[in-house]
């Protein structure tokens, strides 16, 4: 199982909020959910900073990473430990 997770750091707040957007049997579905949430956030004109990750349920390493200040998306290359732009 994979989960799509949204983090939002609002100005003046002590730290980011973490929301699991959903759990999916397929990594592709989880990435699509994260991309959909990113588009929705961009339409809010919020001053907050947000980022989205896809990871295996309960894992600390991400399979997909995107943030609200960039159009770039990344995956983690587990063989090298490097972020690779998609």
PDB file of N, CA and C in Angstrom:
ATOM      1  N   UNK A   1       0.837  -1.184   0.000  1.00  0.00           N
ATOM      2  CA  UNK A   1       0.000   0.000   0.000  1.00  0.00           C
ATOM      3  C   UNK A   1       0.883   1.249   0.000  1.00  0.00           C
ATOM      4  N   UNK A   2       0.406   2.251  -0.713  1.00  0.00           N
ATOM      5  CA  UNK A   2       1.081   3.542  -0.783  1.00  0.00           C
ATOM      6  C   UNK A   2       0.147   4.603  -0.229  1.00  0.00           C
ATOM      7  N   UNK A   3       0.743   5.641   0.352  1.00  0.00           N
ATOM      8  CA  UNK A   3      -0.069   6.738   0.836  1.00  0.00           C
ATOM      9  C   UNK A   3       0.440   8.042   0.248  1.00  0.00           C
ATOM     10  N   UNK A   4      -0.517   8.917  -0.079  1.00  0.00           N
ATOM     11  CA  UNK A   4      -0.219  10.274  -0.513  1.00  0.00           C
ATOM     12  C   UNK A   4      -0.409  11.161   0.713  1.00  0.00           C
ATOM     13  N   UNK A   5       0.595  11.984   0.990  1.00  0.00           N
ATOM     14  CA  UNK A   5       0.572  12.806   2.198  1.00  0.00           C
ATOM     15  C   UNK A   5       0.829  14.263   1.823  1.00  0.00           C
ATOM     16  N   UNK A   6       0.040  15.164   2.412  1.00  0.00           N
ATOM     17  CA  UNK A   6       0.182  16.602   2.188  1.00  0.00           C
ATOM     18  C   UNK A   6       0.674  17.251   3.476  1.00  0.00           C
ATOM     19  N   UNK A   7       1.681  18.100   3.341  1.00  0.00           N
ATOM     20  CA  UNK A   7       2.196  18.883   4.456  1.00  0.00           C
ATOM     21  C   UNK A   7       1.945  20.348   4.126  1.00  0.00           C
ATOM     22  N   UNK A   8       1.417  21.093   5.079  1.00  0.00           N
ATOM     23  CA  UNK A   8       1.188  22.522   4.876  1.00  0.00           C
ATOM     24  C   UNK A   8       1.781  23.278   6.055  1.00  0.00           C
ATOM     25  N   UNK A   9       2.648  24.238   5.718  1.00  0.00           N
ATOM     26  CA  UNK A   9       3.269  25.091   6.731  1.00  0.00           C
ATOM     27  C   UNK A   9       2.737  26.507   6.523  1.00  0.00           C
ATOM     28  N   UNK A  10       1.874  26.923   7.423  1.00  0.00           N
ATOM     29  CA  UNK A  10       1.259  28.248   7.327  1.00  0.00           C
ATOM     30  C   UNK A  10       2.100  29.269   8.090  1.00  0.00           C
ATOM     31  N   UNK A  11       2.166  30.506   7.573  1.00  0.00           N
ATOM     32  CA  UNK A  11       2.899  31.556   8.283  1.00  0.00           C
ATOM     33  C   UNK A  11       2.368  31.714   9.706  1.00  0.00           C
ATOM     34  N   UNK A  12       3.294  31.833  10.655  1.00  0.00           N
ATOM     35  CA  UNK A  12       2.908  32.041  12.046  1.00  0.00           C
ATOM     36  C   UNK A  12       2.581  30.772  12.812  1.00  0.00           C
ATOM     37  N   UNK A  13       2.566  29.636  12.157  1.00  0.00           N
ATOM     38  CA  UNK A  13       2.295  28.360  12.831  1.00  0.00           C
ATOM     39  C   UNK A  13       3.616  27.735  13.272  1.00  0.00           C
ATOM     40  N   UNK A  14       3.611  26.968  14.360  1.00  0.00           N
ATOM     41  CA  UNK A  14       4.863  26.415  14.876  1.00  0.00           C
ATOM     42  C   UNK A  14       5.472  25.308  14.010  1.00  0.00           C
ATOM     43  N   UNK A  15       4.697  24.693  13.176  1.00  0.00           N
ATOM     44  CA  UNK A  15       5.224  23.624  12.329  1.00  0.00           C
ATOM     45  C   UNK A  15       4.195  23.211  11.302  1.00  0.00           C
ATOM     46  N   UNK A  16       4.570  22.326  10.393  1.00  0.00           N
ATOM     47  CA  UNK A  16       3.628  21.930   9.345  1.00  0.00           C
ATOM     48  C   UNK A  16       2.562  20.955   9.845  1.00  0.00           C
ATOM     49  N   UNK A  17       1.396  21.030   9.209  1.00  0.00           N
ATOM     50  CA  UNK A  17       0.371  20.021   9.459  1.00  0.00           C
ATOM     51  C   UNK A  17       0.603  18.892   8.457  1.00  0.00           C
ATOM     52  N   UNK A  18       0.266  17.695   8.839  1.00  0.00           N
ATOM     53  CA  UNK A  18       0.436  16.522   7.985  1.00  0.00           C
ATOM     54  C   UNK A  18      -0.922  15.849   7.817  1.00  0.00           C
ATOM     55  N   UNK A  19      -1.344  15.670   6.560  1.00  0.00           N
ATOM     56  CA  UNK A  19      -2.624  15.048   6.273  1.00  0.00           C
ATOM     57  C   UNK A  19      -2.420  13.913   5.281  1.00  0.00           C
ATOM     58  N   UNK A  20      -2.835  12.716   5.644  1.00  0.00           N
ATOM     59  CA  UNK A  20      -2.805  11.601   4.705  1.00  0.00           C
ATOM     60  C   UNK A  20      -4.007  11.775   3.781  1.00  0.00           C
ATOM     61  N   UNK A  21      -3.730  11.964   2.493  1.00  0.00           N
ATOM     62  CA  UNK A  21      -4.784  12.193   1.506  1.00  0.00           C
ATOM     63  C   UNK A  21      -5.516  10.908   1.144  1.00  0.00           C
ATOM     64  N   UNK A  22      -4.847   9.795   1.308  1.00  0.00           N
ATOM     65  CA  UNK A  22      -5.455   8.507   1.003  1.00  0.00           C
ATOM     66  C   UNK A  22      -4.416   7.409   0.938  1.00  0.00           C
ATOM     67  N   UNK A  23      -4.894   6.192   0.946  1.00  0.00           N
ATOM     68  CA  UNK A  23      -4.044   5.015   0.824  1.00  0.00           C
ATOM     69  C   UNK A  23      -4.456   4.272  -0.438  1.00  0.00           C
ATOM     70  N   UNK A  24      -3.462   3.850  -1.207  1.00  0.00           N
ATOM     71  CA  UNK A  24      -3.710   3.287  -2.522  1.00  0.00           C
ATOM     72  C   UNK A  24      -2.900   2.001  -2.713  1.00  0.00           C
ATOM     73  N   UNK A  25      -3.475   1.031  -3.418  1.00  0.00           N
ATOM     74  CA  UNK A  25      -2.749  -0.211  -3.658  1.00  0.00           C
ATOM     75  C   UNK A  25      -1.645  -0.049  -4.694  1.00  0.00           C
ATOM     76  N   UNK A  26      -1.675   1.054  -5.420  1.00  0.00           N
ATOM     77  CA  UNK A  26      -0.770   1.270  -6.539  1.00  0.00           C
ATOM     78  C   UNK A  26      -0.068   2.617  -6.378  1.00  0.00           C
ATOM     79  N   UNK A  27       1.235   2.651  -6.595  1.00  0.00           N
ATOM     80  CA  UNK A  27       2.004   3.891  -6.466  1.00  0.00           C
ATOM     81  C   UNK A  27       1.517   4.954  -7.449  1.00  0.00           C
ATOM     82  N   UNK A  28       1.145   4.553  -8.656  1.00  0.00           N
ATOM     83  CA  UNK A  28       0.676   5.497  -9.671  1.00  0.00           C
ATOM     84  C   UNK A  28      -0.569   6.234  -9.204  1.00  0.00           C
ATOM     85  N   UNK A  29      -1.494   5.535  -8.580  1.00  0.00           N
ATOM     86  CA  UNK A  29      -2.710   6.168  -8.065  1.00  0.00           C
ATOM     87  C   UNK A  29      -2.380   7.163  -6.962  1.00  0.00           C
ATOM     88  N   UNK A  30      -1.435   6.822  -6.114  1.00  0.00           N
ATOM     89  CA  UNK A  30      -1.042   7.711  -5.022  1.00  0.00           C
ATOM     90  C   UNK A  30      -0.395   8.981  -5.570  1.00  0.00           C
ATOM     91  N   UNK A  31       0.448   8.846  -6.590  1.00  0.00           N
ATOM     92  CA  UNK A  31       1.081  10.012  -7.211  1.00  0.00           C
ATOM     93  C   UNK A  31       0.015  10.906  -7.837  1.00  0.00           C
ATOM     94  N   UNK A  32      -0.959  10.310  -8.498  1.00  0.00           N
ATOM     95  CA  UNK A  32      -2.036  11.109  -9.101  1.00  0.00           C
ATOM     96  C   UNK A  32      -2.811  11.873  -8.030  1.00  0.00           C
ATOM     97  N   UNK A  33      -3.062  11.256  -6.896  1.00  0.00           N
ATOM     98  CA  UNK A  33      -3.760  11.937  -5.797  1.00  0.00           C
ATOM     99  C   UNK A  33      -2.941  13.126  -5.294  1.00  0.00           C
ATOM    100  N   UNK A  34      -1.629  12.958  -5.183  1.00  0.00           N
ATOM    101  CA  UNK A  34      -0.764  14.052  -4.743  1.00  0.00           C
ATOM    102  C   UNK A  34      -0.764  15.178  -5.775  1.00  0.00           C
ATOM    103  N   UNK A  35      -0.700  14.829  -7.050  1.00  0.00           N
ATOM    104  CA  UNK A  35      -0.728  15.854  -8.097  1.00  0.00           C
ATOM    105  C   UNK A  35      -2.062  16.614  -8.094  1.00  0.00           C
ATOM    106  N   UNK A  36      -3.145  15.910  -7.881  1.00  0.00           N
ATOM    107  CA  UNK A  36      -4.459  16.544  -7.819  1.00  0.00           C
ATOM    108  C   UNK A  36      -4.528  17.516  -6.642  1.00  0.00           C
ATOM    109  N   UNK A  37      -3.992  17.115  -5.496  1.00  0.00           N
ATOM    110  CA  UNK A  37      -3.975  17.987  -4.318  1.00  0.00           C
ATOM    111  C   UNK A  37      -3.110  19.218  -4.567  1.00  0.00           C
ATOM    112  N   UNK A  38      -1.999  19.047  -5.294  1.00  0.00           N
ATOM    113  CA  UNK A  38      -1.127  20.182  -5.604  1.00  0.00           C
ATOM    114  C   UNK A  38      -1.857  21.195  -6.478  1.00  0.00           C
ATOM    115  N   UNK A  39      -2.573  20.721  -7.493  1.00  0.00           N
ATOM    116  CA  UNK A  39      -3.338  21.615  -8.363  1.00  0.00           C
ATOM    117  C   UNK A  39      -4.413  22.341  -7.560  1.00  0.00           C
ATOM    118  N   UNK A  40      -5.101  21.625  -6.687  1.00  0.00           N
ATOM    119  CA  UNK A  40      -6.143  22.235  -5.857  1.00  0.00           C
ATOM    120  C   UNK A  40      -5.549  23.311  -4.944  1.00  0.00           C
ATOM    121  N   UNK A  41      -4.390  23.037  -4.361  1.00  0.00           N
ATOM    122  CA  UNK A  41      -3.744  24.007  -3.480  1.00  0.00           C
ATOM    123  C   UNK A  41      -3.332  25.250  -4.261  1.00  0.00           C
ATOM    124  N   UNK A  42      -2.829  25.069  -5.471  1.00  0.00           N
ATOM    125  CA  UNK A  42      -2.399  26.202  -6.291  1.00  0.00           C
ATOM    126  C   UNK A  42      -3.568  27.142  -6.588  1.00  0.00           C
ATOM    127  N   UNK A  43      -4.772  26.610  -6.644  1.00  0.00           N
ATOM    128  CA  UNK A  43      -5.956  27.423  -6.909  1.00  0.00           C
ATOM    129  C   UNK A  43      -6.456  28.206  -5.717  1.00  0.00           C
ATOM    130  N   UNK A  44      -5.846  28.033  -4.541  1.00  0.00           N
ATOM    131  CA  UNK A  44      -6.323  28.710  -3.338  1.00  0.00           C
ATOM    132  C   UNK A  44      -5.679  30.068  -3.090  1.00  0.00           C
ATOM    133  N   UNK A  45      -4.585  30.378  -3.737  1.00  0.00           N
ATOM    134  CA  UNK A  45      -3.830  31.624  -3.516  1.00  0.00           C
ATOM    135  C   UNK A  45      -3.364  31.743  -2.061  1.00  0.00           C
ATOM    136  N   UNK A  46      -3.141  30.629  -1.424  1.00  0.00           N
ATOM    137  CA  UNK A  46      -2.691  30.605  -0.034  1.00  0.00           C
ATOM    138  C   UNK A  46      -1.255  31.106   0.083  1.00  0.00           C
ATOM    139  N   UNK A  47      -0.933  31.729   1.199  1.00  0.00           N
ATOM    140  CA  UNK A  47       0.434  32.172   1.489  1.00  0.00           C
ATOM    141  C   UNK A  47       1.252  31.058   2.140  1.00  0.00           C
ATOM    142  N   UNK A  48       0.609  29.950   2.434  1.00  0.00           N
ATOM    143  CA  UNK A  48       1.286  28.822   3.061  1.00  0.00           C
ATOM    144  C   UNK A  48       2.199  28.129   2.056  1.00  0.00           C
ATOM    145  N   UNK A  49       3.150  27.376   2.587  1.00  0.00           N
ATOM    146  CA  UNK A  49       4.032  26.538   1.780  1.00  0.00           C
ATOM    147  C   UNK A  49       3.550  25.105   1.965  1.00  0.00           C
ATOM    148  N   UNK A  50       3.406  24.382   0.873  1.00  0.00           N
ATOM    149  CA  UNK A  50       2.911  23.007   0.957  1.00  0.00           C
ATOM    150  C   UNK A  50       3.814  22.082   0.160  1.00  0.00           C
ATOM    151  N   UNK A  51       3.845  20.821   0.567  1.00  0.00           N
ATOM    152  CA  UNK A  51       4.545  19.804  -0.200  1.00  0.00           C
ATOM    153  C   UNK A  51       3.822  18.482  -0.052  1.00  0.00           C
ATOM    154  N   UNK A  52       4.043  17.631  -1.020  1.00  0.00           N
ATOM    155  CA  UNK A  52       3.347  16.352  -1.093  1.00  0.00           C
ATOM    156  C   UNK A  52       4.357  15.248  -1.293  1.00  0.00           C
ATOM    157  N   UNK A  53       4.137  14.138  -0.620  1.00  0.00           N
ATOM    158  CA  UNK A  53       4.994  12.970  -0.799  1.00  0.00           C
ATOM    159  C   UNK A  53       4.121  11.736  -1.002  1.00  0.00           C
ATOM    160  N   UNK A  54       4.682  10.786  -1.688  1.00  0.00           N
ATOM    161  CA  UNK A  54       4.082   9.457  -1.795  1.00  0.00           C
ATOM    162  C   UNK A  54       5.098   8.499  -1.210  1.00  0.00           C
ATOM    163  N   UNK A  55       4.638   7.675  -0.317  1.00  0.00           N
ATOM    164  CA  UNK A  55       5.530   6.723   0.345  1.00  0.00           C
ATOM    165  C   UNK A  55       4.759   5.444   0.615  1.00  0.00           C
ATOM    166  N   UNK A  56       5.502   4.389   0.867  1.00  0.00           N
ATOM    167  CA  UNK A  56       4.834   3.176   1.291  1.00  0.00           C
ATOM    168  C   UNK A  56       4.259   3.446   2.666  1.00  0.00           C
ATOM    169  N   UNK A  57       3.116   2.866   2.931  1.00  0.00           N
ATOM    170  CA  UNK A  57       2.393   3.132   4.169  1.00  0.00           C
ATOM    171  C   UNK A  57       3.315   2.983   5.374  1.00  0.00           C
ATOM    172  N   UNK A  58       3.446   4.064   6.156  1.00  0.00           N
ATOM    173  CA  UNK A  58       4.259   4.058   7.362  1.00  0.00           C
ATOM    174  C   UNK A  58       5.743   4.269   7.145  1.00  0.00           C
ATOM    175  N   UNK A  59       6.194   4.369   5.904  1.00  0.00           N
ATOM    176  CA  UNK A  59       7.624   4.514   5.606  1.00  0.00           C
ATOM    177  C   UNK A  59       8.100   5.940   5.852  1.00  0.00           C
ATOM    178  N   UNK A  60       9.396   6.101   5.999  1.00  0.00           N
ATOM    179  CA  UNK A  60      10.001   7.411   6.170  1.00  0.00           C
ATOM    180  C   UNK A  60      10.608   7.926   4.868  1.00  0.00           C
ATOM    181  N   UNK A  61      10.834   7.038   3.898  1.00  0.00           N
ATOM    182  CA  UNK A  61      11.392   7.435   2.606  1.00  0.00           C
ATOM    183  C   UNK A  61      10.271   7.664   1.611  1.00  0.00           C
ATOM    184  N   UNK A  62      10.420   8.681   0.799  1.00  0.00           N
ATOM    185  CA  UNK A  62       9.387   9.019  -0.182  1.00  0.00           C
ATOM    186  C   UNK A  62       9.705   8.443  -1.552  1.00  0.00           C
ATOM    187  N   UNK A  63       8.651   8.098  -2.281  1.00  0.00           N
ATOM    188  CA  UNK A  63       8.774   7.644  -3.662  1.00  0.00           C
ATOM    189  C   UNK A  63       8.537   8.789  -4.633  1.00  0.00           C
ATOM    190  N   UNK A  64       7.881   9.854  -4.181  1.00  0.00           N
ATOM    191  CA  UNK A  64       7.517  10.994  -5.020  1.00  0.00           C
ATOM    192  C   UNK A  64       7.484  12.224  -4.128  1.00  0.00           C
ATOM    193  N   UNK A  65       8.033  13.333  -4.623  1.00  0.00           N
ATOM    194  CA  UNK A  65       8.053  14.574  -3.849  1.00  0.00           C
ATOM    195  C   UNK A  65       7.756  15.745  -4.793  1.00  0.00           C
ATOM    196  N   UNK A  66       6.856  16.637  -4.370  1.00  0.00           N
ATOM    197  CA  UNK A  66       6.569  17.868  -5.104  1.00  0.00           C
ATOM    198  C   UNK A  66       6.249  18.952  -4.085  1.00  0.00           C
ATOM    199  N   UNK A  67       6.460  20.226  -4.476  1.00  0.00           N
ATOM    200  CA  UNK A  67       6.106  21.304  -3.544  1.00  0.00           C
ATOM    201  C   UNK A  67       5.394  22.432  -4.257  1.00  0.00           C
ATOM    202  N   UNK A  68       4.819  23.335  -3.480  1.00  0.00           N
ATOM    203  CA  UNK A  68       3.964  24.391  -4.014  1.00  0.00           C
ATOM    204  C   UNK A  68       4.738  25.542  -4.651  1.00  0.00           C
ATOM    205  N   UNK A  69       6.035  25.604  -4.488  1.00  0.00           N
ATOM    206  CA  UNK A  69       6.814  26.714  -5.037  1.00  0.00           C
ATOM    207  C   UNK A  69       7.539  26.342  -6.326  1.00  0.00           C
ATOM    208  N   UNK A  70       7.303  25.136  -6.823  1.00  0.00           N
ATOM    209  CA  UNK A  70       8.022  24.666  -8.000  1.00  0.00           C
ATOM    210  C   UNK A  70       7.151  23.718  -8.816  1.00  0.00           C
ATOM    211  N   UNK A  71       7.404  23.677 -10.106  1.00  0.00           N
ATOM    212  CA  UNK A  71       6.723  22.717 -10.963  1.00  0.00           C
ATOM    213  C   UNK A  71       7.487  21.399 -11.041  1.00  0.00           C
ATOM    214  N   UNK A  72       8.636  21.330 -10.391  1.00  0.00           N
ATOM    215  CA  UNK A  72       9.464  20.128 -10.450  1.00  0.00           C
ATOM    216  C   UNK A  72       8.894  19.034  -9.554  1.00  0.00           C
ATOM    217  N   UNK A  73       9.107  17.797  -9.970  1.00  0.00           N
ATOM    218  CA  UNK A  73       8.732  16.621  -9.187  1.00  0.00           C
ATOM    219  C   UNK A  73       9.964  15.727  -9.095  1.00  0.00           C
ATOM    220  N   UNK A  74      10.085  15.009  -7.998  1.00  0.00           N
ATOM    221  CA  UNK A  74      11.266  14.187  -7.774  1.00  0.00           C
ATOM    222  C   UNK A  74      10.877  12.788  -7.302  1.00  0.00           C
ATOM    223  N   UNK A  75      11.784  11.857  -7.536  1.00  0.00           N
ATOM    224  CA  UNK A  75      11.714  10.522  -6.955  1.00  0.00           C
ATOM    225  C   UNK A  75      13.058  10.279  -6.287  1.00  0.00           C
ATOM    226  N   UNK A  76      13.078   9.367  -5.356  1.00  0.00           N
ATOM    227  CA  UNK A  76      14.307   9.029  -4.664  1.00  0.00           C
ATOM    228  C   UNK A  76      14.913   7.789  -5.296  1.00  0.00           C
ATOM    229  N   UNK A  77      16.147   7.905  -5.786  1.00  0.00           N
ATOM    230  CA  UNK A  77      16.876   6.768  -6.324  1.00  0.00           C
ATOM    231  C   UNK A  77      17.479   6.021  -5.135  1.00  0.00           C
ATOM    232  N   UNK A  78      16.907   4.873  -4.813  1.00  0.00           N
ATOM    233  CA  UNK A  78      17.341   4.138  -3.629  1.00  0.00           C
ATOM    234  C   UNK A  78      18.756   3.583  -3.755  1.00  0.00           C
ATOM    235  N   UNK A  79      19.246   3.400  -4.978  1.00  0.00           N
ATOM    236  CA  UNK A  79      20.602   2.872  -5.140  1.00  0.00           C
ATOM    237  C   UNK A  79      21.657   3.913  -4.805  1.00  0.00           C
ATOM    238  N   UNK A  80      21.352   5.206  -5.073  1.00  0.00           N
ATOM    239  CA  UNK A  80      22.334   6.259  -4.820  1.00  0.00           C
ATOM    240  C   UNK A  80      21.934   7.177  -3.673  1.00  0.00           C
ATOM    241  N   UNK A  81      20.650   7.145  -3.277  1.00  0.00           N
ATOM    242  CA  UNK A  81      20.183   8.050  -2.247  1.00  0.00           C
ATOM    243  C   UNK A  81      19.960   9.472  -2.754  1.00  0.00           C
ATOM    244  N   UNK A  82      19.996   9.663  -4.063  1.00  0.00           N
ATOM    245  CA  UNK A  82      19.843  10.981  -4.665  1.00  0.00           C
ATOM    246  C   UNK A  82      18.411  11.217  -5.125  1.00  0.00           C
ATOM    247  N   UNK A  83      17.988  12.489  -5.054  1.00  0.00           N
ATOM    248  CA  UNK A  83      16.700  12.874  -5.631  1.00  0.00           C
ATOM    249  C   UNK A  83      16.896  13.059  -7.121  1.00  0.00           C
ATOM    250  N   UNK A  84      15.983  12.502  -7.898  1.00  0.00           N
ATOM    251  CA  UNK A  84      16.055  12.586  -9.356  1.00  0.00           C
ATOM    252  C   UNK A  84      14.789  13.281  -9.834  1.00  0.00           C
ATOM    253  N   UNK A  85      14.989  14.318 -10.664  1.00  0.00           N
ATOM    254  CA  UNK A  85      13.829  15.031 -11.190  1.00  0.00           C
ATOM    255  C   UNK A  85      13.100  14.154 -12.201  1.00  0.00           C
ATOM    256  N   UNK A  86      11.752  14.177 -12.119  1.00  0.00           N
ATOM    257  CA  UNK A  86      10.928  13.391 -13.031  1.00  0.00           C
ATOM    258  C   UNK A  86      10.695  14.182 -14.288  1.00  0.00           C
TER     259      UNK A  86
END
